[in-house]
PDB file of all heavy atoms in Angstrom:
ATOM      1  N   THR A   1     118.658 211.582  43.808  1.00  0.00           N
ATOM      2  CA  THR A   1     118.605 210.716  42.614  1.00  0.00           C
ATOM      3  C   THR A   1     117.381 210.979  41.751  1.00  0.00           C
ATOM      4  O   THR A   1     117.193 210.344  40.724  1.00  0.00           O
ATOM      5  CB  THR A   1     118.614 209.240  43.038  1.00  0.00           C
ATOM      6  OG1 THR A   1     117.465 208.979  43.870  1.00  0.00           O
ATOM      7  CG2 THR A   1     119.876 208.907  43.838  1.00  0.00           C
ATOM      8  N   THR A   2     116.514 211.929  42.200  1.00  0.00           N
ATOM      9  CA  THR A   2     115.307 212.230  41.425  1.00  0.00           C
ATOM     10  C   THR A   2     115.676 212.742  40.031  1.00  0.00           C
ATOM     11  O   THR A   2     116.522 213.639  39.890  1.00  0.00           O
ATOM     12  CB  THR A   2     114.444 213.283  42.156  1.00  0.00           C
ATOM     13  OG1 THR A   2     114.076 212.748  43.447  1.00  0.00           O
ATOM     14  CG2 THR A   2     113.191 213.616  41.362  1.00  0.00           C
ATOM     15  N   LYS A   3     115.026 212.188  39.024  1.00  0.00           N
ATOM     16  CA  LYS A   3     115.296 212.601  37.641  1.00  0.00           C
ATOM     17  C   LYS A   3     114.620 213.941  37.344  1.00  0.00           C
ATOM     18  O   LYS A   3     113.573 214.256  37.909  1.00  0.00           O
ATOM     19  CB  LYS A   3     114.797 211.539  36.669  1.00  0.00           C
ATOM     20  CG  LYS A   3     115.512 210.197  36.801  1.00  0.00           C
ATOM     21  CD  LYS A   3     114.900 209.161  35.867  1.00  0.00           C
ATOM     22  CE  LYS A   3     115.593 207.817  36.036  1.00  0.00           C
ATOM     23  NZ  LYS A   3     114.996 206.773  35.155  1.00  0.00           N
ATOM     24  N   PRO A   4     115.191 214.726  36.424  1.00  0.00           N
ATOM     25  CA  PRO A   4     114.551 215.991  36.041  1.00  0.00           C
ATOM     26  C   PRO A   4     113.147 215.770  35.482  1.00  0.00           C
ATOM     27  O   PRO A   4     112.884 214.735  34.835  1.00  0.00           O
ATOM     28  CB  PRO A   4     115.502 216.559  34.980  1.00  0.00           C
ATOM     29  CG  PRO A   4     116.797 215.861  35.219  1.00  0.00           C
ATOM     30  CD  PRO A   4     116.472 214.497  35.744  1.00  0.00           C
ATOM     31  N   LEU A   5     112.250 216.688  35.746  1.00  0.00           N
ATOM     32  CA  LEU A   5     110.857 216.576  35.297  1.00  0.00           C
ATOM     33  C   LEU A   5     110.569 217.566  34.179  1.00  0.00           C
ATOM     34  O   LEU A   5     111.098 218.680  34.169  1.00  0.00           O
ATOM     35  CB  LEU A   5     109.913 216.816  36.471  1.00  0.00           C
ATOM     36  CG  LEU A   5     110.075 215.898  37.682  1.00  0.00           C
ATOM     37  CD1 LEU A   5     109.217 216.379  38.825  1.00  0.00           C
ATOM     38  CD2 LEU A   5     109.736 214.455  37.323  1.00  0.00           C
ATOM     39  N   ASP A   6     109.709 217.159  33.260  1.00  0.00           N
ATOM     40  CA  ASP A   6     109.278 218.014  32.156  1.00  0.00           C
ATOM     41  C   ASP A   6     107.768 218.151  32.247  1.00  0.00           C
ATOM     42  O   ASP A   6     107.031 217.277  31.797  1.00  0.00           O
ATOM     43  CB  ASP A   6     109.688 217.448  30.811  1.00  0.00           C
ATOM     44  CG  ASP A   6     109.355 218.388  29.659  1.00  0.00           C
ATOM     45  OD1 ASP A   6     108.632 219.383  29.889  1.00  0.00           O
ATOM     46  OD2 ASP A   6     109.830 218.132  28.538  1.00  0.00           O
ATOM     47  N   PHE A   7     107.306 219.222  32.865  1.00  0.00           N
ATOM     48  CA  PHE A   7     105.859 219.397  33.064  1.00  0.00           C
ATOM     49  C   PHE A   7     105.131 219.712  31.768  1.00  0.00           C
ATOM     50  O   PHE A   7     103.909 219.646  31.717  1.00  0.00           O
ATOM     51  CB  PHE A   7     105.614 220.511  34.109  1.00  0.00           C
ATOM     52  CG  PHE A   7     106.054 220.102  35.499  1.00  0.00           C
ATOM     53  CD1 PHE A   7     107.242 220.560  36.033  1.00  0.00           C
ATOM     54  CD2 PHE A   7     105.265 219.273  36.269  1.00  0.00           C
ATOM     55  CE1 PHE A   7     107.644 220.194  37.302  1.00  0.00           C
ATOM     56  CE2 PHE A   7     105.649 218.913  37.553  1.00  0.00           C
ATOM     57  CZ  PHE A   7     106.847 219.367  38.072  1.00  0.00           C
ATOM     58  N   ASP A   8     105.839 220.079  30.732  1.00  0.00           N
ATOM     59  CA  ASP A   8     105.173 220.409  29.453  1.00  0.00           C
ATOM     60  C   ASP A   8     104.802 219.147  28.672  1.00  0.00           C
ATOM     61  O   ASP A   8     103.806 219.143  27.915  1.00  0.00           O
ATOM     62  CB  ASP A   8     106.105 221.285  28.594  1.00  0.00           C
ATOM     63  CG  ASP A   8     106.264 222.661  29.201  1.00  0.00           C
ATOM     64  OD1 ASP A   8     105.303 223.151  29.832  1.00  0.00           O
ATOM     65  OD2 ASP A   8     107.354 223.246  29.038  1.00  0.00           O
ATOM     66  N   THR A   9     105.587 218.067  28.819  1.00  0.00           N
ATOM     67  CA  THR A   9     105.340 216.881  27.992  1.00  0.00           C
ATOM     68  C   THR A   9     104.948 215.648  28.785  1.00  0.00           C
ATOM     69  O   THR A   9     104.239 214.770  28.268  1.00  0.00           O
ATOM     70  CB  THR A   9     106.606 216.556  27.169  1.00  0.00           C
ATOM     71  OG1 THR A   9     107.695 216.296  28.064  1.00  0.00           O
ATOM     72  CG2 THR A   9     106.965 217.718  26.242  1.00  0.00           C
ATOM     73  N   GLN A  10     105.388 215.533  30.044  1.00  0.00           N
ATOM     74  CA  GLN A  10     105.071 214.336  30.815  1.00  0.00           C
ATOM     75  C   GLN A  10     103.605 214.334  31.255  1.00  0.00           C
ATOM     76  O   GLN A  10     103.020 215.374  31.540  1.00  0.00           O
ATOM     77  CB  GLN A  10     105.968 214.264  32.056  1.00  0.00           C
ATOM     78  CG  GLN A  10     107.406 213.840  31.746  1.00  0.00           C
ATOM     79  CD  GLN A  10     108.252 213.759  33.003  1.00  0.00           C
ATOM     80  OE1 GLN A  10     109.277 214.401  33.098  1.00  0.00           O
ATOM     81  NE2 GLN A  10     107.818 212.952  33.959  1.00  0.00           N
ATOM     82  N   THR A  11     103.055 213.101  31.325  1.00  0.00           N
ATOM     83  CA  THR A  11     101.682 212.937  31.841  1.00  0.00           C
ATOM     84  C   THR A  11     101.694 212.149  33.155  1.00  0.00           C
ATOM     85  O   THR A  11     100.704 212.144  33.866  1.00  0.00           O
ATOM     86  CB  THR A  11     100.815 212.207  30.821  1.00  0.00           C
ATOM     87  OG1 THR A  11     101.426 210.940  30.507  1.00  0.00           O
ATOM     88  CG2 THR A  11     100.639 213.045  29.569  1.00  0.00           C
ATOM     89  N   GLU A  12     102.805 211.481  33.442  1.00  0.00           N
ATOM     90  CA  GLU A  12     102.951 210.772  34.714  1.00  0.00           C
ATOM     91  C   GLU A  12     104.234 211.253  35.376  1.00  0.00           C
ATOM     92  O   GLU A  12     105.236 211.496  34.687  1.00  0.00           O
ATOM     93  CB  GLU A  12     103.005 209.260  34.498  1.00  0.00           C
ATOM     94  CG  GLU A  12     101.705 208.667  33.986  1.00  0.00           C
ATOM     95  CD  GLU A  12     101.761 207.157  33.882  1.00  0.00           C
ATOM     96  OE1 GLU A  12     102.850 206.584  34.189  1.00  0.00           O
ATOM     97  OE2 GLU A  12     100.753 206.539  33.507  1.00  0.00           O
ATOM     98  N   PHE A  13     104.187 211.374  36.695  1.00  0.00           N
ATOM     99  CA  PHE A  13     105.331 211.931  37.430  1.00  0.00           C
ATOM    100  C   PHE A  13     105.680 211.044  38.612  1.00  0.00           C
ATOM    101  O   PHE A  13     104.787 210.579  39.328  1.00  0.00           O
ATOM    102  CB  PHE A  13     105.020 213.343  37.926  1.00  0.00           C
ATOM    103  CG  PHE A  13     104.616 214.278  36.815  1.00  0.00           C
ATOM    104  CD1 PHE A  13     103.285 214.430  36.451  1.00  0.00           C
ATOM    105  CD2 PHE A  13     105.577 215.021  36.158  1.00  0.00           C
ATOM    106  CE1 PHE A  13     102.907 215.276  35.435  1.00  0.00           C
ATOM    107  CE2 PHE A  13     105.223 215.890  35.124  1.00  0.00           C
ATOM    108  CZ  PHE A  13     103.876 216.016  34.762  1.00  0.00           C
ATOM    109  N   GLU A  14     106.933 210.810  38.789  1.00  0.00           N
ATOM    110  CA  GLU A  14     107.388 210.011  39.908  1.00  0.00           C
ATOM    111  C   GLU A  14     108.396 210.822  40.718  1.00  0.00           C
ATOM    112  O   GLU A  14     109.324 211.404  40.164  1.00  0.00           O
ATOM    113  CB  GLU A  14     108.056 208.728  39.408  1.00  0.00           C
ATOM    114  CG  GLU A  14     108.516 207.819  40.555  1.00  0.00           C
ATOM    115  CD  GLU A  14     109.083 206.511  40.040  1.00  0.00           C
ATOM    116  OE1 GLU A  14     108.363 205.773  39.345  1.00  0.00           O
ATOM    117  OE2 GLU A  14     110.252 206.235  40.339  1.00  0.00           O
ATOM    118  N   PHE A  15     108.173 210.851  42.037  1.00  0.00           N
ATOM    119  CA  PHE A  15     109.037 211.620  42.925  1.00  0.00           C
ATOM    120  C   PHE A  15     109.650 210.699  43.975  1.00  0.00           C
ATOM    121  O   PHE A  15     109.007 209.712  44.398  1.00  0.00           O
ATOM    122  CB  PHE A  15     108.239 212.710  43.657  1.00  0.00           C
ATOM    123  CG  PHE A  15     107.634 213.726  42.732  1.00  0.00           C
ATOM    124  CD1 PHE A  15     106.362 213.545  42.177  1.00  0.00           C
ATOM    125  CD2 PHE A  15     108.331 214.874  42.386  1.00  0.00           C
ATOM    126  CE1 PHE A  15     105.815 214.475  41.343  1.00  0.00           C
ATOM    127  CE2 PHE A  15     107.787 215.825  41.547  1.00  0.00           C
ATOM    128  CZ  PHE A  15     106.519 215.621  41.011  1.00  0.00           C
ATOM    129  N   SER A  16     110.850 211.020  44.374  1.00  0.00           N
ATOM    130  CA  SER A  16     111.534 210.252  45.411  1.00  0.00           C
ATOM    131  C   SER A  16     111.971 211.216  46.506  1.00  0.00           C
ATOM    132  O   SER A  16     112.612 212.226  46.220  1.00  0.00           O
ATOM    133  CB  SER A  16     112.748 209.523  44.811  1.00  0.00           C
ATOM    134  OG  SER A  16     113.433 208.812  45.817  1.00  0.00           O
ATOM    135  N   TYR A  17     111.606 210.895  47.735  1.00  0.00           N
ATOM    136  CA  TYR A  17     111.946 211.762  48.859  1.00  0.00           C
ATOM    137  C   TYR A  17     112.720 210.980  49.922  1.00  0.00           C
ATOM    138  O   TYR A  17     112.510 209.793  50.140  1.00  0.00           O
ATOM    139  CB  TYR A  17     110.670 212.358  49.485  1.00  0.00           C
ATOM    140  CG  TYR A  17     110.282 213.663  48.852  1.00  0.00           C
ATOM    141  CD1 TYR A  17     109.716 213.707  47.577  1.00  0.00           C
ATOM    142  CD2 TYR A  17     110.512 214.864  49.510  1.00  0.00           C
ATOM    143  CE1 TYR A  17     109.378 214.909  46.982  1.00  0.00           C
ATOM    144  CE2 TYR A  17     110.168 216.081  48.902  1.00  0.00           C
ATOM    145  CZ  TYR A  17     109.612 216.080  47.644  1.00  0.00           C
ATOM    146  OH  TYR A  17     109.300 217.293  47.057  1.00  0.00           O
ATOM    147  N   ASP A  18     113.603 211.708  50.593  1.00  0.00           N
ATOM    148  CA  ASP A  18     114.364 211.139  51.697  1.00  0.00           C
ATOM    149  C   ASP A  18     113.759 211.599  53.022  1.00  0.00           C
ATOM    150  O   ASP A  18     113.416 212.778  53.184  1.00  0.00           O
ATOM    151  CB  ASP A  18     115.831 211.602  51.653  1.00  0.00           C
ATOM    152  CG  ASP A  18     116.524 211.113  50.390  1.00  0.00           C
ATOM    153  OD1 ASP A  18     116.109 210.062  49.865  1.00  0.00           O
ATOM    154  OD2 ASP A  18     117.500 211.780  49.958  1.00  0.00           O
ATOM    155  N   LEU A  19     113.637 210.680  53.952  1.00  0.00           N
ATOM    156  CA  LEU A  19     113.202 210.999  55.317  1.00  0.00           C
ATOM    157  C   LEU A  19     114.304 210.656  56.288  1.00  0.00           C
ATOM    158  O   LEU A  19     114.956 209.608  56.152  1.00  0.00           O
ATOM    159  CB  LEU A  19     111.950 210.191  55.684  1.00  0.00           C
ATOM    160  CG  LEU A  19     110.673 210.369  54.868  1.00  0.00           C
ATOM    161  CD1 LEU A  19     109.577 209.471  55.441  1.00  0.00           C
ATOM    162  CD2 LEU A  19     110.221 211.799  54.863  1.00  0.00           C
ATOM    163  N   ALA A  20     114.504 211.506  57.278  1.00  0.00           N
ATOM    164  CA  ALA A  20     115.432 211.184  58.364  1.00  0.00           C
ATOM    165  C   ALA A  20     114.607 210.672  59.538  1.00  0.00           C
ATOM    166  O   ALA A  20     113.780 211.392  60.093  1.00  0.00           O
ATOM    167  CB  ALA A  20     116.219 212.407  58.777  1.00  0.00           C
ATOM    168  N   VAL A  21     114.791 209.416  59.882  1.00  0.00           N
ATOM    169  CA  VAL A  21     114.017 208.793  60.968  1.00  0.00           C
ATOM    170  C   VAL A  21     114.706 209.027  62.297  1.00  0.00           C
ATOM    171  O   VAL A  21     115.912 208.778  62.432  1.00  0.00           O
ATOM    172  CB  VAL A  21     113.847 207.292  60.703  1.00  0.00           C
ATOM    173  CG1 VAL A  21     113.019 206.651  61.820  1.00  0.00           C
ATOM    174  CG2 VAL A  21     113.170 207.071  59.357  1.00  0.00           C
ATOM    175  N   ALA A  22     113.971 209.539  63.271  1.00  0.00           N
ATOM    176  CA  ALA A  22     114.546 209.795  64.596  1.00  0.00           C
ATOM    177  C   ALA A  22     114.957 208.489  65.249  1.00  0.00           C
ATOM    178  O   ALA A  22     114.212 207.506  65.213  1.00  0.00           O
ATOM    179  CB  ALA A  22     113.529 210.529  65.480  1.00  0.00           C
ATOM    180  N   PRO A  23     116.124 208.442  65.850  1.00  0.00           N
ATOM    181  CA  PRO A  23     116.576 207.222  66.535  1.00  0.00           C
ATOM    182  C   PRO A  23     115.732 206.929  67.759  1.00  0.00           C
ATOM    183  O   PRO A  23     115.203 207.855  68.389  1.00  0.00           O
ATOM    184  CB  PRO A  23     118.018 207.525  66.905  1.00  0.00           C
ATOM    185  CG  PRO A  23     118.070 209.018  67.018  1.00  0.00           C
ATOM    186  CD  PRO A  23     117.121 209.537  65.994  1.00  0.00           C
ATOM    187  N   GLU A  24     115.604 205.664  68.100  1.00  0.00           N
ATOM    188  CA  GLU A  24     114.883 205.282  69.314  1.00  0.00           C
ATOM    189  C   GLU A  24     115.705 205.645  70.526  1.00  0.00           C
ATOM    190  O   GLU A  24     116.908 205.395  70.590  1.00  0.00           O
ATOM    191  CB  GLU A  24     114.602 203.773  69.310  1.00  0.00           C
ATOM    192  CG  GLU A  24     113.499 203.348  68.375  1.00  0.00           C
ATOM    193  CD  GLU A  24     112.135 203.885  68.790  1.00  0.00           C
ATOM    194  OE1 GLU A  24     111.874 203.966  70.013  1.00  0.00           O
ATOM    195  OE2 GLU A  24     111.353 204.261  67.893  1.00  0.00           O
ATOM    196  N   VAL A  25     115.051 206.241  71.530  1.00  0.00           N
ATOM    197  CA  VAL A  25     115.735 206.594  72.759  1.00  0.00           C
ATOM    198  C   VAL A  25     115.431 205.527  73.795  1.00  0.00           C
ATOM    199  O   VAL A  25     114.277 205.295  74.191  1.00  0.00           O
ATOM    200  CB  VAL A  25     115.242 207.969  73.290  1.00  0.00           C
ATOM    201  CG1 VAL A  25     115.986 208.319  74.578  1.00  0.00           C
ATOM    202  CG2 VAL A  25     115.468 209.054  72.245  1.00  0.00           C
ATOM    203  N   ASN A  26     116.482 204.829  74.212  1.00  0.00           N
ATOM    204  CA  ASN A  26     116.330 203.783  75.223  1.00  0.00           C
ATOM    205  C   ASN A  26     116.928 204.288  76.525  1.00  0.00           C
ATOM    206  O   ASN A  26     118.134 204.151  76.775  1.00  0.00           O
ATOM    207  CB  ASN A  26     117.025 202.509  74.750  1.00  0.00           C
ATOM    208  CG  ASN A  26     116.825 201.360  75.736  1.00  0.00           C
ATOM    209  OD1 ASN A  26     115.926 201.382  76.573  1.00  0.00           O
ATOM    210  ND2 ASN A  26     117.687 200.356  75.643  1.00  0.00           N
ATOM    211  N   LEU A  27     116.099 204.942  77.345  1.00  0.00           N
ATOM    212  CA  LEU A  27     116.614 205.590  78.547  1.00  0.00           C
ATOM    213  C   LEU A  27     115.595 205.543  79.661  1.00  0.00           C
ATOM    214  O   LEU A  27     114.421 205.853  79.466  1.00  0.00           O
ATOM    215  CB  LEU A  27     116.972 207.041  78.246  1.00  0.00           C
ATOM    216  CG  LEU A  27     117.355 207.916  79.454  1.00  0.00           C
ATOM    217  CD1 LEU A  27     118.701 207.470  80.039  1.00  0.00           C
ATOM    218  CD2 LEU A  27     117.423 209.386  79.083  1.00  0.00           C
ATOM    219  N   THR A  28     116.051 205.130  80.826  1.00  0.00           N
ATOM    220  CA  THR A  28     115.246 205.231  82.061  1.00  0.00           C
ATOM    221  C   THR A  28     116.110 205.929  83.093  1.00  0.00           C
ATOM    222  O   THR A  28     117.248 205.508  83.368  1.00  0.00           O
ATOM    223  CB  THR A  28     114.841 203.838  82.572  1.00  0.00           C
ATOM    224  OG1 THR A  28     114.047 203.191  81.570  1.00  0.00           O
ATOM    225  CG2 THR A  28     114.031 203.956  83.862  1.00  0.00           C
ATOM    226  N   VAL A  29     115.587 207.012  83.659  1.00  0.00           N
ATOM    227  CA  VAL A  29     116.327 207.763  84.657  1.00  0.00           C
ATOM    228  C   VAL A  29     116.031 207.189  86.017  1.00  0.00           C
ATOM    229  O   VAL A  29     114.838 207.025  86.389  1.00  0.00           O
ATOM    230  CB  VAL A  29     115.966 209.264  84.615  1.00  0.00           C
ATOM    231  CG1 VAL A  29     116.780 210.031  85.665  1.00  0.00           C
ATOM    232  CG2 VAL A  29     116.237 209.832  83.226  1.00  0.00           C
ATOM    233  N   ASP A  30     117.060 206.851  86.810  1.00  0.00           N
ATOM    234  CA  ASP A  30     116.873 206.310  88.147  1.00  0.00           C
ATOM    235  C   ASP A  30     118.033 206.770  89.036  1.00  0.00           C
ATOM    236  O   ASP A  30     118.873 207.577  88.636  1.00  0.00           O
ATOM    237  CB  ASP A  30     116.762 204.775  88.118  1.00  0.00           C
ATOM    238  CG  ASP A  30     117.956 204.144  87.387  1.00  0.00           C
ATOM    239  OD1 ASP A  30     119.046 204.748  87.412  1.00  0.00           O
ATOM    240  OD2 ASP A  30     117.785 203.074  86.804  1.00  0.00           O
ATOM    241  N   LYS A  31     118.087 206.227  90.246  1.00  0.00           N
ATOM    242  CA  LYS A  31     119.102 206.634  91.214  1.00  0.00           C
ATOM    243  C   LYS A  31     120.513 206.286  90.754  1.00  0.00           C
ATOM    244  O   LYS A  31     121.505 206.817  91.281  1.00  0.00           O
ATOM    245  CB  LYS A  31     118.824 205.982  92.579  1.00  0.00           C
ATOM    246  CG  LYS A  31     117.586 206.490  93.270  1.00  0.00           C
ATOM    247  CD  LYS A  31     117.729 207.954  93.638  1.00  0.00           C
ATOM    248  CE  LYS A  31     116.495 208.509  94.338  1.00  0.00           C
ATOM    249  NZ  LYS A  31     116.598 209.962  94.620  1.00  0.00           N
ATOM    250  N   GLY A  32     120.616 205.399  89.787  1.00  0.00           N
ATOM    251  CA  GLY A  32     121.931 205.023  89.292  1.00  0.00           C
ATOM    252  C   GLY A  32     122.597 206.131  88.487  1.00  0.00           C
ATOM    253  O   GLY A  32     123.813 206.089  88.249  1.00  0.00           O
ATOM    254  N   ILE A  33     121.814 207.119  88.056  1.00  0.00           N
ATOM    255  CA  ILE A  33     122.366 208.245  87.319  1.00  0.00           C
ATOM    256  C   ILE A  33     122.713 209.359  88.308  1.00  0.00           C
ATOM    257  O   ILE A  33     121.849 209.864  89.008  1.00  0.00           O
ATOM    258  CB  ILE A  33     121.354 208.753  86.268  1.00  0.00           C
ATOM    259  CG1 ILE A  33     121.133 207.675  85.196  1.00  0.00           C
ATOM    260  CG2 ILE A  33     121.841 210.045  85.617  1.00  0.00           C
ATOM    261  CD1 ILE A  33     120.134 208.032  84.143  1.00  0.00           C
TER     262      ILE A  33
END
């Protein structure tokens, strides 16, 4: 969704980035496995 940038005329710049967050691992290994 980031809008096109014009480095020749703009004096302020706004960027938007997406991050993929790693899922939480809920695991304990025991004799039941």
